[in-house]
Amino acid sequence: MKLRIRDLREDADIKQKTMAAVLMCDQSLYSKYERGERPLPLELAGKLADYFGTSVDYLMGRTDERTPYPPSKRSPS
């Protein structure tokens, strides 16, 4: 699966080392996420989606809509 995290990072002119710090991982591990050599954990995908103001589905290439989904109107259970 081709993630869009590299494109988003480069468009924002951010270095891999900075993104690794955001995710609290090594730069080499972050690089493997970008290249698709390691699966991106869901928790980290959520952090990246929040950081870039998009949805996890956009990061994964499942939609071309960059805008995140609106918050749920359901009350917490």
PDB file of N, CA and C in Angstrom:
ATOM      1  N   MET A   1       0.849  -1.174   0.000  1.00  0.00           N
ATOM      2  CA  MET A   1       0.000   0.000   0.000  1.00  0.00           C
ATOM      3  C   MET A   1       0.895   1.238   0.000  1.00  0.00           C
ATOM      4  N   LYS A   2       0.589   2.200  -0.847  1.00  0.00           N
ATOM      5  CA  LYS A   2       1.346   3.438  -0.942  1.00  0.00           C
ATOM      6  C   LYS A   2       0.692   4.480  -0.052  1.00  0.00           C
ATOM      7  N   LEU A   3       1.357   4.810   1.048  1.00  0.00           N
ATOM      8  CA  LEU A   3       0.846   5.852   1.929  1.00  0.00           C
ATOM      9  C   LEU A   3       1.205   7.220   1.366  1.00  0.00           C
ATOM     10  N   ARG A   4       0.431   8.210   1.738  1.00  0.00           N
ATOM     11  CA  ARG A   4       0.676   9.567   1.261  1.00  0.00           C
ATOM     12  C   ARG A   4       1.504  10.395   2.244  1.00  0.00           C
ATOM     13  N   ILE A   5       2.064   9.768   3.244  1.00  0.00           N
ATOM     14  CA  ILE A   5       2.738  10.554   4.276  1.00  0.00           C
ATOM     15  C   ILE A   5       3.981  11.260   3.743  1.00  0.00           C
ATOM     16  N   ARG A   6       4.671  10.654   2.805  1.00  0.00           N
ATOM     17  CA  ARG A   6       5.853  11.313   2.244  1.00  0.00           C
ATOM     18  C   ARG A   6       5.444  12.582   1.493  1.00  0.00           C
ATOM     19  N   ASP A   7       4.424  12.478   0.655  1.00  0.00           N
ATOM     20  CA  ASP A   7       3.970  13.644  -0.095  1.00  0.00           C
ATOM     21  C   ASP A   7       3.527  14.772   0.836  1.00  0.00           C
ATOM     22  N   LEU A   8       2.769  14.429   1.870  1.00  0.00           N
ATOM     23  CA  LEU A   8       2.318  15.449   2.817  1.00  0.00           C
ATOM     24  C   LEU A   8       3.500  16.090   3.535  1.00  0.00           C
ATOM     25  N   ARG A   9       4.456  15.279   3.939  1.00  0.00           N
ATOM     26  CA  ARG A   9       5.630  15.798   4.642  1.00  0.00           C
ATOM     27  C   ARG A   9       6.437  16.718   3.739  1.00  0.00           C
ATOM     28  N   GLU A  10       6.685  16.280   2.505  1.00  0.00           N
ATOM     29  CA  GLU A  10       7.466  17.099   1.580  1.00  0.00           C
ATOM     30  C   GLU A  10       6.727  18.382   1.195  1.00  0.00           C
ATOM     31  N   ASP A  11       5.415  18.300   1.011  1.00  0.00           N
ATOM     32  CA  ASP A  11       4.628  19.504   0.696  1.00  0.00           C
ATOM     33  C   ASP A  11       4.718  20.531   1.815  1.00  0.00           C
ATOM     34  N   ALA A  12       4.825  20.056   3.055  1.00  0.00           N
ATOM     35  CA  ALA A  12       4.923  20.947   4.216  1.00  0.00           C
ATOM     36  C   ALA A  12       6.374  21.326   4.517  1.00  0.00           C
ATOM     37  N   ASP A  13       7.321  20.822   3.704  1.00  0.00           N
ATOM     38  CA  ASP A  13       8.750  21.098   3.869  1.00  0.00           C
ATOM     39  C   ASP A  13       9.234  20.718   5.275  1.00  0.00           C
ATOM     40  N   ILE A  14       8.880  19.492   5.663  1.00  0.00           N
ATOM     41  CA  ILE A  14       9.250  18.963   6.977  1.00  0.00           C
ATOM     42  C   ILE A  14      10.223  17.808   6.770  1.00  0.00           C
ATOM     43  N   LYS A  15      11.244  17.730   7.598  1.00  0.00           N
ATOM     44  CA  LYS A  15      12.238  16.652   7.513  1.00  0.00           C
ATOM     45  C   LYS A  15      11.715  15.391   8.201  1.00  0.00           C
ATOM     46  N   GLN A  16      12.229  14.243   7.758  1.00  0.00           N
ATOM     47  CA  GLN A  16      11.847  12.971   8.378  1.00  0.00           C
ATOM     48  C   GLN A  16      12.161  12.974   9.869  1.00  0.00           C
ATOM     49  N   LYS A  17      13.256  13.563  10.250  1.00  0.00           N
ATOM     50  CA  LYS A  17      13.652  13.596  11.664  1.00  0.00           C
ATOM     51  C   LYS A  17      12.588  14.307  12.509  1.00  0.00           C
ATOM     52  N   THR A  18      12.016  15.364  11.966  1.00  0.00           N
ATOM     53  CA  THR A  18      10.957  16.100  12.676  1.00  0.00           C
ATOM     54  C   THR A  18       9.718  15.236  12.822  1.00  0.00           C
ATOM     55  N   MET A  19       9.329  14.533  11.743  1.00  0.00           N
ATOM     56  CA  MET A  19       8.147  13.673  11.814  1.00  0.00           C
ATOM     57  C   MET A  19       8.375  12.523  12.783  1.00  0.00           C
ATOM     58  N   ALA A  20       9.593  11.993  12.792  1.00  0.00           N
ATOM     59  CA  ALA A  20       9.907  10.918  13.733  1.00  0.00           C
ATOM     60  C   ALA A  20       9.747  11.404  15.165  1.00  0.00           C
ATOM     61  N   ALA A  21      10.154  12.637  15.421  1.00  0.00           N
ATOM     62  CA  ALA A  21      10.005  13.200  16.767  1.00  0.00           C
ATOM     63  C   ALA A  21       8.528  13.351  17.134  1.00  0.00           C
ATOM     64  N   VAL A  22       7.711  13.755  16.176  1.00  0.00           N
ATOM     65  CA  VAL A  22       6.263  13.884  16.415  1.00  0.00           C
ATOM     66  C   VAL A  22       5.675  12.526  16.807  1.00  0.00           C
ATOM     67  N   LEU A  23       6.141  11.474  16.136  1.00  0.00           N
ATOM     68  CA  LEU A  23       5.622  10.125  16.400  1.00  0.00           C
ATOM     69  C   LEU A  23       6.382   9.400  17.506  1.00  0.00           C
ATOM     70  N   MET A  24       7.430  10.049  18.024  1.00  0.00           N
ATOM     71  CA  MET A  24       8.266   9.481  19.085  1.00  0.00           C
ATOM     72  C   MET A  24       8.856   8.137  18.656  1.00  0.00           C
ATOM     73  N   CYS A  25       9.501   8.154  17.477  1.00  0.00           N
ATOM     74  CA  CYS A  25      10.191   6.971  16.971  1.00  0.00           C
ATOM     75  C   CYS A  25      11.501   7.420  16.329  1.00  0.00           C
ATOM     76  N   ASP A  26      12.331   6.466  15.951  1.00  0.00           N
ATOM     77  CA  ASP A  26      13.582   6.780  15.263  1.00  0.00           C
ATOM     78  C   ASP A  26      13.300   7.227  13.836  1.00  0.00           C
ATOM     79  N   GLN A  27      14.193   8.042  13.293  1.00  0.00           N
ATOM     80  CA  GLN A  27      14.068   8.492  11.913  1.00  0.00           C
ATOM     81  C   GLN A  27      14.108   7.310  10.953  1.00  0.00           C
ATOM     82  N   SER A  28      14.942   6.318  11.248  1.00  0.00           N
ATOM     83  CA  SER A  28      15.042   5.161  10.354  1.00  0.00           C
ATOM     84  C   SER A  28      13.728   4.378  10.310  1.00  0.00           C
ATOM     85  N   LEU A  29      13.032   4.272  11.434  1.00  0.00           N
ATOM     86  CA  LEU A  29      11.740   3.588  11.457  1.00  0.00           C
ATOM     87  C   LEU A  29      10.706   4.408  10.682  1.00  0.00           C
ATOM     88  N   TYR A  30      10.703   5.719  10.891  1.00  0.00           N
ATOM     89  CA  TYR A  30       9.766   6.572  10.153  1.00  0.00           C
ATOM     90  C   TYR A  30       9.994   6.421   8.641  1.00  0.00           C
ATOM     91  N   SER A  31      11.248   6.376   8.237  1.00  0.00           N
ATOM     92  CA  SER A  31      11.589   6.214   6.828  1.00  0.00           C
ATOM     93  C   SER A  31      11.008   4.914   6.273  1.00  0.00           C
ATOM     94  N   LYS A  32      11.043   3.861   7.065  1.00  0.00           N
ATOM     95  CA  LYS A  32      10.469   2.581   6.635  1.00  0.00           C
ATOM     96  C   LYS A  32       8.950   2.677   6.484  1.00  0.00           C
ATOM     97  N   TYR A  33       8.300   3.458   7.337  1.00  0.00           N
ATOM     98  CA  TYR A  33       6.852   3.682   7.180  1.00  0.00           C
ATOM     99  C   TYR A  33       6.583   4.366   5.846  1.00  0.00           C
ATOM    100  N   GLU A  34       7.372   5.395   5.533  1.00  0.00           N
ATOM    101  CA  GLU A  34       7.179   6.117   4.278  1.00  0.00           C
ATOM    102  C   GLU A  34       7.381   5.225   3.060  1.00  0.00           C
ATOM    103  N   ARG A  35       8.366   4.368   3.106  1.00  0.00           N
ATOM    104  CA  ARG A  35       8.677   3.497   1.977  1.00  0.00           C
ATOM    105  C   ARG A  35       7.785   2.260   1.924  1.00  0.00           C
ATOM    106  N   GLY A  36       6.964   2.052   2.925  1.00  0.00           N
ATOM    107  CA  GLY A  36       6.080   0.899   2.956  1.00  0.00           C
ATOM    108  C   GLY A  36       6.774  -0.385   3.363  1.00  0.00           C
ATOM    109  N   GLU A  37       7.951  -0.262   3.963  1.00  0.00           N
ATOM    110  CA  GLU A  37       8.698  -1.448   4.407  1.00  0.00           C
ATOM    111  C   GLU A  37       8.206  -1.952   5.758  1.00  0.00           C
ATOM    112  N   ARG A  38       7.527  -1.109   6.500  1.00  0.00           N
ATOM    113  CA  ARG A  38       6.928  -1.493   7.788  1.00  0.00           C
ATOM    114  C   ARG A  38       5.501  -0.974   7.798  1.00  0.00           C
ATOM    115  N   PRO A  39       4.570  -1.742   8.335  1.00  0.00           N
ATOM    116  CA  PRO A  39       3.192  -1.244   8.417  1.00  0.00           C
ATOM    117  C   PRO A  39       3.098  -0.109   9.434  1.00  0.00           C
ATOM    118  N   LEU A  40       2.337   0.894   9.093  1.00  0.00           N
ATOM    119  CA  LEU A  40       2.126   2.038   9.983  1.00  0.00           C
ATOM    120  C   LEU A  40       1.038   1.675  10.986  1.00  0.00           C
ATOM    121  N   PRO A  41       1.371   1.636  12.287  1.00  0.00           N
ATOM    122  CA  PRO A  41       0.351   1.311  13.291  1.00  0.00           C
ATOM    123  C   PRO A  41      -0.804   2.315  13.256  1.00  0.00           C
ATOM    124  N   LEU A  42      -1.998   1.839  13.515  1.00  0.00           N
ATOM    125  CA  LEU A  42      -3.192   2.670  13.474  1.00  0.00           C
ATOM    126  C   LEU A  42      -3.065   3.897  14.367  1.00  0.00           C
ATOM    127  N   GLU A  43      -2.512   3.723  15.552  1.00  0.00           N
ATOM    128  CA  GLU A  43      -2.357   4.852  16.474  1.00  0.00           C
ATOM    129  C   GLU A  43      -1.492   5.954  15.849  1.00  0.00           C
ATOM    130  N   LEU A  44      -0.419   5.560  15.168  1.00  0.00           N
ATOM    131  CA  LEU A  44       0.454   6.542  14.534  1.00  0.00           C
ATOM    132  C   LEU A  44      -0.205   7.153  13.300  1.00  0.00           C
ATOM    133  N   ALA A  45      -0.994   6.369  12.587  1.00  0.00           N
ATOM    134  CA  ALA A  45      -1.736   6.908  11.443  1.00  0.00           C
ATOM    135  C   ALA A  45      -2.695   7.999  11.918  1.00  0.00           C
ATOM    136  N   GLY A  46      -3.327   7.770  13.061  1.00  0.00           N
ATOM    137  CA  GLY A  46      -4.221   8.785  13.636  1.00  0.00           C
ATOM    138  C   GLY A  46      -3.469  10.050  14.011  1.00  0.00           C
ATOM    139  N   LYS A  47      -2.281   9.886  14.589  1.00  0.00           N
ATOM    140  CA  LYS A  47      -1.469  11.056  14.942  1.00  0.00           C
ATOM    141  C   LYS A  47      -1.081  11.850  13.697  1.00  0.00           C
ATOM    142  N   LEU A  48      -0.686  11.138  12.648  1.00  0.00           N
ATOM    143  CA  LEU A  48      -0.303  11.818  11.409  1.00  0.00           C
ATOM    144  C   LEU A  48      -1.505  12.514  10.766  1.00  0.00           C
ATOM    145  N   ALA A  49      -2.651  11.861  10.768  1.00  0.00           N
ATOM    146  CA  ALA A  49      -3.855  12.479  10.210  1.00  0.00           C
ATOM    147  C   ALA A  49      -4.189  13.759  10.966  1.00  0.00           C
ATOM    148  N   ASP A  50      -4.105  13.719  12.288  1.00  0.00           N
ATOM    149  CA  ASP A  50      -4.354  14.919  13.090  1.00  0.00           C
ATOM    150  C   ASP A  50      -3.316  15.999  12.787  1.00  0.00           C
ATOM    151  N   TYR A  51      -2.069  15.602  12.690  1.00  0.00           N
ATOM    152  CA  TYR A  51      -0.973  16.547  12.448  1.00  0.00           C
ATOM    153  C   TYR A  51      -1.172  17.274  11.109  1.00  0.00           C
ATOM    154  N   PHE A  52      -1.546  16.522  10.073  1.00  0.00           N
ATOM    155  CA  PHE A  52      -1.700  17.118   8.757  1.00  0.00           C
ATOM    156  C   PHE A  52      -3.130  17.607   8.483  1.00  0.00           C
ATOM    157  N   GLY A  53      -4.036  17.410   9.427  1.00  0.00           N
ATOM    158  CA  GLY A  53      -5.407  17.885   9.272  1.00  0.00           C
ATOM    159  C   GLY A  53      -6.164  17.149   8.179  1.00  0.00           C
ATOM    160  N   THR A  54      -5.996  15.843   8.138  1.00  0.00           N
ATOM    161  CA  THR A  54      -6.662  15.029   7.135  1.00  0.00           C
ATOM    162  C   THR A  54      -7.228  13.773   7.783  1.00  0.00           C
ATOM    163  N   SER A  55      -7.747  12.873   6.984  1.00  0.00           N
ATOM    164  CA  SER A  55      -8.283  11.625   7.535  1.00  0.00           C
ATOM    165  C   SER A  55      -7.274  10.490   7.339  1.00  0.00           C
ATOM    166  N   VAL A  56      -7.413   9.445   8.124  1.00  0.00           N
ATOM    167  CA  VAL A  56      -6.575   8.261   7.968  1.00  0.00           C
ATOM    168  C   VAL A  56      -6.834   7.641   6.587  1.00  0.00           C
ATOM    169  N   ASP A  57      -8.069   7.660   6.125  1.00  0.00           N
ATOM    170  CA  ASP A  57      -8.377   7.125   4.796  1.00  0.00           C
ATOM    171  C   ASP A  57      -7.596   7.863   3.711  1.00  0.00           C
ATOM    172  N   TYR A  58      -7.436   9.172   3.844  1.00  0.00           N
ATOM    173  CA  TYR A  58      -6.642   9.923   2.876  1.00  0.00           C
ATOM    174  C   TYR A  58      -5.178   9.488   2.932  1.00  0.00           C
ATOM    175  N   LEU A  59      -4.643   9.345   4.145  1.00  0.00           N
ATOM    176  CA  LEU A  59      -3.251   8.895   4.292  1.00  0.00           C
ATOM    177  C   LEU A  59      -3.032   7.559   3.601  1.00  0.00           C
ATOM    178  N   MET A  60      -4.026   6.687   3.683  1.00  0.00           N
ATOM    179  CA  MET A  60      -3.920   5.337   3.128  1.00  0.00           C
ATOM    180  C   MET A  60      -4.245   5.278   1.640  1.00  0.00           C
ATOM    181  N   GLY A  61      -4.695   6.373   1.059  1.00  0.00           N
ATOM    182  CA  GLY A  61      -5.040   6.384  -0.357  1.00  0.00           C
ATOM    183  C   GLY A  61      -6.410   5.814  -0.656  1.00  0.00           C
ATOM    184  N   ARG A  62      -7.242   5.699   0.369  1.00  0.00           N
ATOM    185  CA  ARG A  62      -8.584   5.129   0.177  1.00  0.00           C
ATOM    186  C   ARG A  62      -9.583   6.168  -0.312  1.00  0.00           C
ATOM    187  N   THR A  63      -9.225   7.453  -0.202  1.00  0.00           N
ATOM    188  CA  THR A  63     -10.054   8.547  -0.697  1.00  0.00           C
ATOM    189  C   THR A  63      -9.125   9.664  -1.160  1.00  0.00           C
ATOM    190  N   ASP A  64      -9.626  10.497  -2.051  1.00  0.00           N
ATOM    191  CA  ASP A  64      -8.866  11.661  -2.486  1.00  0.00           C
ATOM    192  C   ASP A  64      -9.303  12.917  -1.747  1.00  0.00           C
ATOM    193  N   GLU A  65     -10.261  12.772  -0.853  1.00  0.00           N
ATOM    194  CA  GLU A  65     -10.762  13.896  -0.061  1.00  0.00           C
ATOM    195  C   GLU A  65      -9.822  14.129   1.124  1.00  0.00           C
ATOM    196  N   ARG A  66      -9.120  15.267   1.134  1.00  0.00           N
ATOM    197  CA  ARG A  66      -8.143  15.552   2.194  1.00  0.00           C
ATOM    198  C   ARG A  66      -8.792  15.968   3.503  1.00  0.00           C
ATOM    199  N   THR A  67      -9.982  16.554   3.415  1.00  0.00           N
ATOM    200  CA  THR A  67     -10.648  17.082   4.603  1.00  0.00           C
ATOM    201  C   THR A  67     -11.004  15.953   5.556  1.00  0.00           C
ATOM    202  N   PRO A  68     -10.680  16.127   6.843  1.00  0.00           N
ATOM    203  CA  PRO A  68     -11.051  15.073   7.809  1.00  0.00           C
ATOM    204  C   PRO A  68     -12.566  14.993   7.966  1.00  0.00           C
ATOM    205  N   TYR A  69     -12.998  13.854   8.442  1.00  0.00           N
ATOM    206  CA  TYR A  69     -14.423  13.663   8.678  1.00  0.00           C
ATOM    207  C   TYR A  69     -14.866  14.542   9.841  1.00  0.00           C
ATOM    208  N   PRO A  70     -16.126  15.004   9.794  1.00  0.00           N
ATOM    209  CA  PRO A  70     -16.611  15.801  10.929  1.00  0.00           C
ATOM    210  C   PRO A  70     -16.710  14.923  12.184  1.00  0.00           C
ATOM    211  N   PRO A  71     -16.554  15.538  13.348  1.00  0.00           N
ATOM    212  CA  PRO A  71     -16.678  14.755  14.583  1.00  0.00           C
ATOM    213  C   PRO A  71     -18.080  14.140  14.701  1.00  0.00           C
ATOM    214  N   SER A  72     -18.126  12.996  15.345  1.00  0.00           N
ATOM    215  CA  SER A  72     -19.388  12.301  15.547  1.00  0.00           C
ATOM    216  C   SER A  72     -20.287  13.105  16.464  1.00  0.00           C
ATOM    217  N   LYS A  73     -21.571  13.084  16.204  1.00  0.00           N
ATOM    218  CA  LYS A  73     -22.536  13.793  17.055  1.00  0.00           C
ATOM    219  C   LYS A  73     -23.144  12.874  18.096  1.00  0.00           C
ATOM    220  N   ARG A  74     -22.659  11.607  18.098  1.00  0.00           N
ATOM    221  CA  ARG A  74     -23.166  10.673  19.105  1.00  0.00           C
ATOM    222  C   ARG A  74     -22.625  11.060  20.471  1.00  0.00           C
ATOM    223  N   SER A  75     -23.426  10.819  21.472  1.00  0.00           N
ATOM    224  CA  SER A  75     -22.940  11.064  22.835  1.00  0.00           C
ATOM    225  C   SER A  75     -22.047   9.906  23.260  1.00  0.00           C
ATOM    226  N   PRO A  76     -21.006  10.202  24.050  1.00  0.00           N
ATOM    227  CA  PRO A  76     -20.120   9.107  24.505  1.00  0.00           C
ATOM    228  C   PRO A  76     -20.879   8.123  25.374  1.00  0.00           C
ATOM    229  N   SER A  77     -20.531   6.848  25.215  1.00  0.00           N
ATOM    230  CA  SER A  77     -21.216   5.792  25.984  1.00  0.00           C
ATOM    231  C   SER A  77     -20.473   5.522  27.253  1.00  0.00           C
TER     232      SER A  77
END
